[in-house]
Every structure is written in structure tokens, then in C-alpha cells.
Amino acid sequence: MNKDEYNIINKTAIQKRIEELENTDDYFSQGSFGEHKFLKQVLSQSTPLIPEIDKAYEAGILDKELSLTFDNPKSRYLNSLKLDL
């Protein structure tokens, strides 16, 4: 089974690199143009992290409320996990 993998990126650093590439004299060289195109693609496919955490938090609250009303094994399992950051 192939699962999607996600990485956290530094949007500010990527935007700075894009600006650097756009301001170089050799912008249209094969390497610079390819890197610029790739970095723009990465940014276009990225999702801000904080809103995703907020959505997950809200879903967790809803799941907890539902588990109080219904038997919910998934909720019991998730509540037993601990996340150490």
C-alpha cells in the first residue's frame, strides 16, 4: 500500500530563494529556471500547517463528544495514544 507522505517546509526560505533566482543574471539558464519552476510548484502544492492542526483539533473535539454518546473504539484508541513533542 502506498501512503502519502507529508513534509513541513519553510515557506519564507523557499520564497526568498525564488526571489534570489529571479534576480540573477543567469535566470534563464537550465539549472536556475528548473529550480525556480520546481520551487514554485512546491509552494503551489503546500498547505499551511496551523489551519490543518486547527481542523484536526476540532475533529478531535467532535470525535470526543460523539464517543460520549456512542461506543467509539477509534476514539478510545486515539485517547490512549500520547504525543511527546
PDB file of N, CA and C in Angstrom:
ATOM      1  N   MET A   1       0.846  -1.174   0.000  1.00  0.00           N
ATOM      2  CA  MET A   1       0.000   0.000   0.000  1.00  0.00           C
ATOM      3  C   MET A   1       0.896   1.244   0.000  1.00  0.00           C
ATOM      4  N   ASN A   2       0.566   2.171  -0.856  1.00  0.00           N
ATOM      5  CA  ASN A   2       1.340   3.397  -0.953  1.00  0.00           C
ATOM      6  C   ASN A   2       0.605   4.505  -0.205  1.00  0.00           C
ATOM      7  N   LYS A   3       1.209   5.009   0.845  1.00  0.00           N
ATOM      8  CA  LYS A   3       0.615   6.101   1.613  1.00  0.00           C
ATOM      9  C   LYS A   3       1.256   7.414   1.216  1.00  0.00           C
ATOM     10  N   ASP A   4       0.450   8.463   1.254  1.00  0.00           N
ATOM     11  CA  ASP A   4       1.008   9.784   1.007  1.00  0.00           C
ATOM     12  C   ASP A   4       1.924  10.148   2.161  1.00  0.00           C
ATOM     13  N   GLU A   5       3.000  10.818   1.836  1.00  0.00           N
ATOM     14  CA  GLU A   5       3.918  11.319   2.853  1.00  0.00           C
ATOM     15  C   GLU A   5       3.918  12.832   2.783  1.00  0.00           C
ATOM     16  N   TYR A   6       4.022  13.441   3.933  1.00  0.00           N
ATOM     17  CA  TYR A   6       3.990  14.899   4.009  1.00  0.00           C
ATOM     18  C   TYR A   6       5.236  15.396   4.723  1.00  0.00           C
ATOM     19  N   ASN A   7       5.724  16.544   4.269  1.00  0.00           N
ATOM     20  CA  ASN A   7       6.883  17.179   4.870  1.00  0.00           C
ATOM     21  C   ASN A   7       6.534  18.616   5.208  1.00  0.00           C
ATOM     22  N   ILE A   8       7.131  19.113   6.252  1.00  0.00           N
ATOM     23  CA  ILE A   8       6.978  20.508   6.614  1.00  0.00           C
ATOM     24  C   ILE A   8       8.076  21.286   5.904  1.00  0.00           C
ATOM     25  N   ILE A   9       7.682  22.367   5.234  1.00  0.00           N
ATOM     26  CA  ILE A   9       8.659  23.191   4.520  1.00  0.00           C
ATOM     27  C   ILE A   9       8.644  24.601   5.100  1.00  0.00           C
ATOM     28  N   ASN A  10       9.731  25.302   4.902  1.00  0.00           N
ATOM     29  CA  ASN A  10       9.831  26.691   5.342  1.00  0.00           C
ATOM     30  C   ASN A  10       9.470  27.579   4.161  1.00  0.00           C
ATOM     31  N   LYS A  11       8.232  28.060   4.149  1.00  0.00           N
ATOM     32  CA  LYS A  11       7.723  28.853   3.036  1.00  0.00           C
ATOM     33  C   LYS A  11       8.559  30.113   2.817  1.00  0.00           C
ATOM     34  N   THR A  12       8.953  30.768   3.896  1.00  0.00           N
ATOM     35  CA  THR A  12       9.731  32.006   3.784  1.00  0.00           C
ATOM     36  C   THR A  12      11.070  31.748   3.097  1.00  0.00           C
ATOM     37  N   ALA A  13      11.734  30.667   3.462  1.00  0.00           N
ATOM     38  CA  ALA A  13      13.028  30.341   2.857  1.00  0.00           C
ATOM     39  C   ALA A  13      12.870  30.027   1.373  1.00  0.00           C
ATOM     40  N   ILE A  14      11.813  29.330   1.017  1.00  0.00           N
ATOM     41  CA  ILE A  14      11.592  28.999  -0.394  1.00  0.00           C
ATOM     42  C   ILE A  14      11.274  30.261  -1.192  1.00  0.00           C
ATOM     43  N   GLN A  15      10.437  31.126  -0.634  1.00  0.00           N
ATOM     44  CA  GLN A  15      10.127  32.380  -1.325  1.00  0.00           C
ATOM     45  C   GLN A  15      11.380  33.240  -1.511  1.00  0.00           C
ATOM     46  N   LYS A  16      12.243  33.255  -0.504  1.00  0.00           N
ATOM     47  CA  LYS A  16      13.489  34.026  -0.605  1.00  0.00           C
ATOM     48  C   LYS A  16      14.367  33.464  -1.724  1.00  0.00           C
ATOM     49  N   ARG A  17      14.450  32.141  -1.806  1.00  0.00           N
ATOM     50  CA  ARG A  17      15.256  31.511  -2.855  1.00  0.00           C
ATOM     51  C   ARG A  17      14.667  31.802  -4.228  1.00  0.00           C
ATOM     52  N   ILE A  18      13.353  31.795  -4.346  1.00  0.00           N
ATOM     53  CA  ILE A  18      12.703  32.131  -5.618  1.00  0.00           C
ATOM     54  C   ILE A  18      13.077  33.553  -6.035  1.00  0.00           C
ATOM     55  N   GLU A  19      13.021  34.476  -5.087  1.00  0.00           N
ATOM     56  CA  GLU A  19      13.389  35.870  -5.384  1.00  0.00           C
ATOM     57  C   GLU A  19      14.847  35.971  -5.801  1.00  0.00           C
ATOM     58  N   GLU A  20      15.721  35.231  -5.122  1.00  0.00           N
ATOM     59  CA  GLU A  20      17.141  35.236  -5.494  1.00  0.00           C
ATOM     60  C   GLU A  20      17.320  34.758  -6.924  1.00  0.00           C
ATOM     61  N   LEU A  21      16.615  33.683  -7.279  1.00  0.00           N
ATOM     62  CA  LEU A  21      16.730  33.142  -8.637  1.00  0.00           C
ATOM     63  C   LEU A  21      16.205  34.134  -9.676  1.00  0.00           C
ATOM     64  N   GLU A  22      15.119  34.813  -9.333  1.00  0.00           N
ATOM     65  CA  GLU A  22      14.531  35.777 -10.275  1.00  0.00           C
ATOM     66  C   GLU A  22      15.428  36.992 -10.472  1.00  0.00           C
ATOM     67  N   ASN A  23      16.277  37.289  -9.508  1.00  0.00           N
ATOM     68  CA  ASN A  23      17.136  38.472  -9.583  1.00  0.00           C
ATOM     69  C   ASN A  23      18.549  38.165 -10.073  1.00  0.00           C
ATOM     70  N   THR A  24      18.800  36.946 -10.528  1.00  0.00           N
ATOM     71  CA  THR A  24      20.130  36.615 -11.036  1.00  0.00           C
ATOM     72  C   THR A  24      20.201  36.868 -12.529  1.00  0.00           C
ATOM     73  N   ASP A  25      21.410  37.105 -13.005  1.00  0.00           N
ATOM     74  CA  ASP A  25      21.618  37.347 -14.437  1.00  0.00           C
ATOM     75  C   ASP A  25      21.416  36.073 -15.253  1.00  0.00           C
ATOM     76  N   ASP A  26      21.691  34.921 -14.646  1.00  0.00           N
ATOM     77  CA  ASP A  26      21.569  33.668 -15.390  1.00  0.00           C
ATOM     78  C   ASP A  26      20.234  32.960 -15.094  1.00  0.00           C
ATOM     79  N   TYR A  27      19.176  33.751 -14.878  1.00  0.00           N
ATOM     80  CA  TYR A  27      17.871  33.202 -14.529  1.00  0.00           C
ATOM     81  C   TYR A  27      17.386  32.189 -15.558  1.00  0.00           C
ATOM     82  N   PHE A  28      17.651  32.442 -16.829  1.00  0.00           N
ATOM     83  CA  PHE A  28      17.151  31.554 -17.862  1.00  0.00           C
ATOM     84  C   PHE A  28      18.096  30.389 -18.173  1.00  0.00           C
ATOM     85  N   SER A  29      19.157  30.259 -17.373  1.00  0.00           N
ATOM     86  CA  SER A  29      19.994  29.077 -17.552  1.00  0.00           C
ATOM     87  C   SER A  29      19.192  27.853 -17.125  1.00  0.00           C
ATOM     88  N   GLN A  30      19.548  26.728 -17.639  1.00  0.00           N
ATOM     89  CA  GLN A  30      18.779  25.498 -17.397  1.00  0.00           C
ATOM     90  C   GLN A  30      18.612  25.210 -15.908  1.00  0.00           C
ATOM     91  N   GLY A  31      19.669  25.320 -15.121  1.00  0.00           N
ATOM     92  CA  GLY A  31      19.599  25.000 -13.700  1.00  0.00           C
ATOM     93  C   GLY A  31      18.727  25.964 -12.918  1.00  0.00           C
ATOM     94  N   SER A  32      18.926  27.254 -13.114  1.00  0.00           N
ATOM     95  CA  SER A  32      18.164  28.251 -12.368  1.00  0.00           C
ATOM     96  C   SER A  32      16.687  28.202 -12.719  1.00  0.00           C
ATOM     97  N   PHE A  33      16.379  28.100 -13.989  1.00  0.00           N
ATOM     98  CA  PHE A  33      14.986  28.063 -14.409  1.00  0.00           C
ATOM     99  C   PHE A  33      14.290  26.808 -13.878  1.00  0.00           C
ATOM    100  N   GLY A  34      14.988  25.672 -13.929  1.00  0.00           N
ATOM    101  CA  GLY A  34      14.415  24.422 -13.422  1.00  0.00           C
ATOM    102  C   GLY A  34      14.176  24.480 -11.921  1.00  0.00           C
ATOM    103  N   GLU A  35      15.139  25.023 -11.186  1.00  0.00           N
ATOM    104  CA  GLU A  35      14.976  25.141  -9.738  1.00  0.00           C
ATOM    105  C   GLU A  35      13.817  26.078  -9.406  1.00  0.00           C
ATOM    106  N   HIS A  36      13.744  27.196 -10.123  1.00  0.00           N
ATOM    107  CA  HIS A  36      12.663  28.172  -9.912  1.00  0.00           C
ATOM    108  C   HIS A  36      11.306  27.509 -10.142  1.00  0.00           C
ATOM    109  N   LYS A  37      11.177  26.792 -11.237  1.00  0.00           N
ATOM    110  CA  LYS A  37       9.916  26.118 -11.573  1.00  0.00           C
ATOM    111  C   LYS A  37       9.558  25.098 -10.492  1.00  0.00           C
ATOM    112  N   PHE A  38      10.539  24.323 -10.043  1.00  0.00           N
ATOM    113  CA  PHE A  38      10.304  23.314  -9.011  1.00  0.00           C
ATOM    114  C   PHE A  38       9.848  23.961  -7.700  1.00  0.00           C
ATOM    115  N   LEU A  39      10.531  25.021  -7.274  1.00  0.00           N
ATOM    116  CA  LEU A  39      10.170  25.687  -6.014  1.00  0.00           C
ATOM    117  C   LEU A  39       8.776  26.304  -6.084  1.00  0.00           C
ATOM    118  N   LYS A  40       8.412  26.880  -7.229  1.00  0.00           N
ATOM    119  CA  LYS A  40       7.061  27.424  -7.393  1.00  0.00           C
ATOM    120  C   LYS A  40       6.029  26.296  -7.303  1.00  0.00           C
ATOM    121  N   GLN A  41       6.349  25.149  -7.858  1.00  0.00           N
ATOM    122  CA  GLN A  41       5.436  24.006  -7.806  1.00  0.00           C
ATOM    123  C   GLN A  41       5.271  23.514  -6.366  1.00  0.00           C
ATOM    124  N   VAL A  42       6.361  23.457  -5.615  1.00  0.00           N
ATOM    125  CA  VAL A  42       6.301  23.041  -4.213  1.00  0.00           C
ATOM    126  C   VAL A  42       5.378  23.971  -3.438  1.00  0.00           C
ATOM    127  N   LEU A  43       5.546  25.271  -3.623  1.00  0.00           N
ATOM    128  CA  LEU A  43       4.694  26.233  -2.915  1.00  0.00           C
ATOM    129  C   LEU A  43       3.234  26.113  -3.334  1.00  0.00           C
ATOM    130  N   SER A  44       2.991  25.849  -4.601  1.00  0.00           N
ATOM    131  CA  SER A  44       1.603  25.762  -5.068  1.00  0.00           C
ATOM    132  C   SER A  44       0.895  24.536  -4.495  1.00  0.00           C
ATOM    133  N   GLN A  45       1.651  23.517  -4.130  1.00  0.00           N
ATOM    134  CA  GLN A  45       1.061  22.294  -3.600  1.00  0.00           C
ATOM    135  C   GLN A  45       1.077  22.245  -2.077  1.00  0.00           C
ATOM    136  N   SER A  46       1.635  23.250  -1.447  1.00  0.00           N
ATOM    137  CA  SER A  46       1.765  23.213   0.008  1.00  0.00           C
ATOM    138  C   SER A  46       0.505  23.722   0.690  1.00  0.00           C
ATOM    139  N   THR A  47       0.311  23.285   1.902  1.00  0.00           N
ATOM    140  CA  THR A  47      -0.834  23.667   2.725  1.00  0.00           C
ATOM    141  C   THR A  47      -0.308  24.229   4.036  1.00  0.00           C
ATOM    142  N   PRO A  48      -0.811  25.377   4.482  1.00  0.00           N
ATOM    143  CA  PRO A  48      -0.369  25.924   5.766  1.00  0.00           C
ATOM    144  C   PRO A  48      -0.652  24.938   6.906  1.00  0.00           C
ATOM    145  N   LEU A  49       0.295  24.800   7.802  1.00  0.00           N
ATOM    146  CA  LEU A  49       0.211  23.799   8.861  1.00  0.00           C
ATOM    147  C   LEU A  49      -0.802  24.158   9.949  1.00  0.00           C
ATOM    148  N   ILE A  50      -0.812  25.395  10.412  1.00  0.00           N
ATOM    149  CA  ILE A  50      -1.663  25.778  11.545  1.00  0.00           C
ATOM    150  C   ILE A  50      -3.149  25.524  11.260  1.00  0.00           C
ATOM    151  N   PRO A  51      -3.692  25.911  10.100  1.00  0.00           N
ATOM    152  CA  PRO A  51      -5.097  25.598   9.842  1.00  0.00           C
ATOM    153  C   PRO A  51      -5.386  24.094   9.848  1.00  0.00           C
ATOM    154  N   GLU A  52      -4.429  23.294   9.381  1.00  0.00           N
ATOM    155  CA  GLU A  52      -4.621  21.838   9.394  1.00  0.00           C
ATOM    156  C   GLU A  52      -4.652  21.311  10.823  1.00  0.00           C
ATOM    157  N   ILE A  53      -3.807  21.856  11.678  1.00  0.00           N
ATOM    158  CA  ILE A  53      -3.808  21.451  13.087  1.00  0.00           C
ATOM    159  C   ILE A  53      -5.129  21.862  13.728  1.00  0.00           C
ATOM    160  N   ASP A  54      -5.587  23.070  13.414  1.00  0.00           N
ATOM    161  CA  ASP A  54      -6.871  23.529  13.954  1.00  0.00           C
ATOM    162  C   ASP A  54      -8.014  22.609  13.529  1.00  0.00           C
ATOM    163  N   LYS A  55      -8.029  22.201  12.249  1.00  0.00           N
ATOM    164  CA  LYS A  55      -9.086  21.300  11.773  1.00  0.00           C
ATOM    165  C   LYS A  55      -9.016  19.956  12.490  1.00  0.00           C
ATOM    166  N   ALA A  56      -7.809  19.447  12.684  1.00  0.00           N
ATOM    167  CA  ALA A  56      -7.648  18.167  13.382  1.00  0.00           C
ATOM    168  C   ALA A  56      -8.100  18.289  14.828  1.00  0.00           C
ATOM    169  N   TYR A  57      -7.798  19.412  15.444  1.00  0.00           N
ATOM    170  CA  TYR A  57      -8.210  19.647  16.828  1.00  0.00           C
ATOM    171  C   TYR A  57      -9.737  19.676  16.927  1.00  0.00           C
ATOM    172  N   GLU A  58     -10.368  20.418  16.009  1.00  0.00           N
ATOM    173  CA  GLU A  58     -11.829  20.492  16.000  1.00  0.00           C
ATOM    174  C   GLU A  58     -12.439  19.111  15.760  1.00  0.00           C
ATOM    175  N   ALA A  59     -11.859  18.340  14.855  1.00  0.00           N
ATOM    176  CA  ALA A  59     -12.350  16.984  14.587  1.00  0.00           C
ATOM    177  C   ALA A  59     -12.189  16.117  15.827  1.00  0.00           C
ATOM    178  N   GLY A  60     -11.103  16.311  16.558  1.00  0.00           N
ATOM    179  CA  GLY A  60     -10.879  15.553  17.787  1.00  0.00           C
ATOM    180  C   GLY A  60     -11.908  15.884  18.853  1.00  0.00           C
ATOM    181  N   ILE A  61     -12.265  17.155  18.952  1.00  0.00           N
ATOM    182  CA  ILE A  61     -13.293  17.555  19.918  1.00  0.00           C
ATOM    183  C   ILE A  61     -14.624  16.918  19.541  1.00  0.00           C
ATOM    184  N   LEU A  62     -14.978  16.967  18.255  1.00  0.00           N
ATOM    185  CA  LEU A  62     -16.218  16.355  17.794  1.00  0.00           C
ATOM    186  C   LEU A  62     -16.198  14.854  18.047  1.00  0.00           C
ATOM    187  N   ASP A  63     -15.063  14.215  17.754  1.00  0.00           N
ATOM    188  CA  ASP A  63     -14.938  12.776  17.975  1.00  0.00           C
ATOM    189  C   ASP A  63     -15.118  12.449  19.454  1.00  0.00           C
ATOM    190  N   LYS A  64     -14.563  13.267  20.323  1.00  0.00           N
ATOM    191  CA  LYS A  64     -14.700  13.040  21.759  1.00  0.00           C
ATOM    192  C   LYS A  64     -16.157  13.183  22.195  1.00  0.00           C
ATOM    193  N   GLU A  65     -16.842  14.205  21.669  1.00  0.00           N
ATOM    194  CA  GLU A  65     -18.253  14.405  22.008  1.00  0.00           C
ATOM    195  C   GLU A  65     -19.099  13.228  21.524  1.00  0.00           C
ATOM    196  N   LEU A  66     -18.807  12.750  20.313  1.00  0.00           N
ATOM    197  CA  LEU A  66     -19.545  11.597  19.790  1.00  0.00           C
ATOM    198  C   LEU A  66     -19.262  10.338  20.604  1.00  0.00           C
ATOM    199  N   SER A  67     -18.032  10.197  21.058  1.00  0.00           N
ATOM    200  CA  SER A  67     -17.679   8.997  21.814  1.00  0.00           C
ATOM    201  C   SER A  67     -18.398   8.957  23.158  1.00  0.00           C
ATOM    202  N   LEU A  68     -18.775  10.117  23.672  1.00  0.00           N
ATOM    203  CA  LEU A  68     -19.539  10.133  24.916  1.00  0.00           C
ATOM    204  C   LEU A  68     -20.974   9.661  24.679  1.00  0.00           C
ATOM    205  N   THR A  69     -21.449   9.828  23.450  1.00  0.00           N
ATOM    206  CA  THR A  69     -22.803   9.435  23.101  1.00  0.00           C
ATOM    207  C   THR A  69     -22.870   8.005  22.575  1.00  0.00           C
ATOM    208  N   PHE A  70     -21.868   7.620  21.791  1.00  0.00           N
ATOM    209  CA  PHE A  70     -21.855   6.304  21.152  1.00  0.00           C
ATOM    210  C   PHE A  70     -20.599   5.550  21.560  1.00  0.00           C
ATOM    211  N   ASP A  71     -20.652   4.229  21.447  1.00  0.00           N
ATOM    212  CA  ASP A  71     -19.452   3.420  21.663  1.00  0.00           C
ATOM    213  C   ASP A  71     -18.531   3.656  20.472  1.00  0.00           C
ATOM    214  N   ASN A  72     -17.344   4.160  20.711  1.00  0.00           N
ATOM    215  CA  ASN A  72     -16.448   4.559  19.636  1.00  0.00           C
ATOM    216  C   ASN A  72     -15.043   4.011  19.904  1.00  0.00           C
ATOM    217  N   PRO A  73     -14.736   2.801  19.409  1.00  0.00           N
ATOM    218  CA  PRO A  73     -13.410   2.211  19.652  1.00  0.00           C
ATOM    219  C   PRO A  73     -12.261   3.064  19.130  1.00  0.00           C
ATOM    220  N   LYS A  74     -12.472   3.732  17.980  1.00  0.00           N
ATOM    221  CA  LYS A  74     -11.406   4.581  17.427  1.00  0.00           C
ATOM    222  C   LYS A  74     -11.051   5.681  18.419  1.00  0.00           C
ATOM    223  N   SER A  75     -12.043   6.304  18.994  1.00  0.00           N
ATOM    224  CA  SER A  75     -11.794   7.365  19.953  1.00  0.00           C
ATOM    225  C   SER A  75     -11.062   6.833  21.181  1.00  0.00           C
ATOM    226  N   ARG A  76     -11.448   5.664  21.655  1.00  0.00           N
ATOM    227  CA  ARG A  76     -10.759   5.070  22.818  1.00  0.00           C
ATOM    228  C   ARG A  76      -9.294   4.818  22.482  1.00  0.00           C
ATOM    229  N   TYR A  77      -9.044   4.331  21.266  1.00  0.00           N
ATOM    230  CA  TYR A  77      -7.671   4.069  20.854  1.00  0.00           C
ATOM    231  C   TYR A  77      -6.869   5.373  20.768  1.00  0.00           C
ATOM    232  N   LEU A  78      -7.437   6.388  20.130  1.00  0.00           N
ATOM    233  CA  LEU A  78      -6.722   7.660  19.987  1.00  0.00           C
ATOM    234  C   LEU A  78      -6.475   8.314  21.336  1.00  0.00           C
ATOM    235  N   ASN A  79      -7.406   8.195  22.246  1.00  0.00           N
ATOM    236  CA  ASN A  79      -7.225   8.777  23.570  1.00  0.00           C
ATOM    237  C   ASN A  79      -6.114   8.077  24.361  1.00  0.00           C
ATOM    238  N   SER A  80      -5.841   6.830  24.008  1.00  0.00           N
ATOM    239  CA  SER A  80      -4.793   6.092  24.720  1.00  0.00           C
ATOM    240  C   SER A  80      -3.387   6.438  24.216  1.00  0.00           C
ATOM    241  N   LEU A  81      -3.310   7.079  23.044  1.00  0.00           N
ATOM    242  CA  LEU A  81      -2.001   7.460  22.499  1.00  0.00           C
ATOM    243  C   LEU A  81      -1.502   8.713  23.183  1.00  0.00           C
ATOM    244  N   LYS A  82      -0.188   8.821  23.308  1.00  0.00           N
ATOM    245  CA  LYS A  82       0.420  10.021  23.875  1.00  0.00           C
ATOM    246  C   LYS A  82       1.402  10.572  22.853  1.00  0.00           C
ATOM    247  N   LEU A  83       1.393  11.878  22.712  1.00  0.00           N
ATOM    248  CA  LEU A  83       2.287  12.532  21.765  1.00  0.00           C
ATOM    249  C   LEU A  83       3.263  13.402  22.546  1.00  0.00           C
ATOM    250  N   ASP A  84       4.531  13.042  22.497  1.00  0.00           N
ATOM    251  CA  ASP A  84       5.565  13.813  23.174  1.00  0.00           C
ATOM    252  C   ASP A  84       6.309  14.640  22.143  1.00  0.00           C
ATOM    253  N   LEU A  85       6.216  15.949  22.269  1.00  0.00           N
ATOM    254  CA  LEU A  85       6.923  16.823  21.335  1.00  0.00           C
ATOM    255  C   LEU A  85       8.070  17.506  22.040  1.00  0.00           C
TER     256      LEU A  85
END
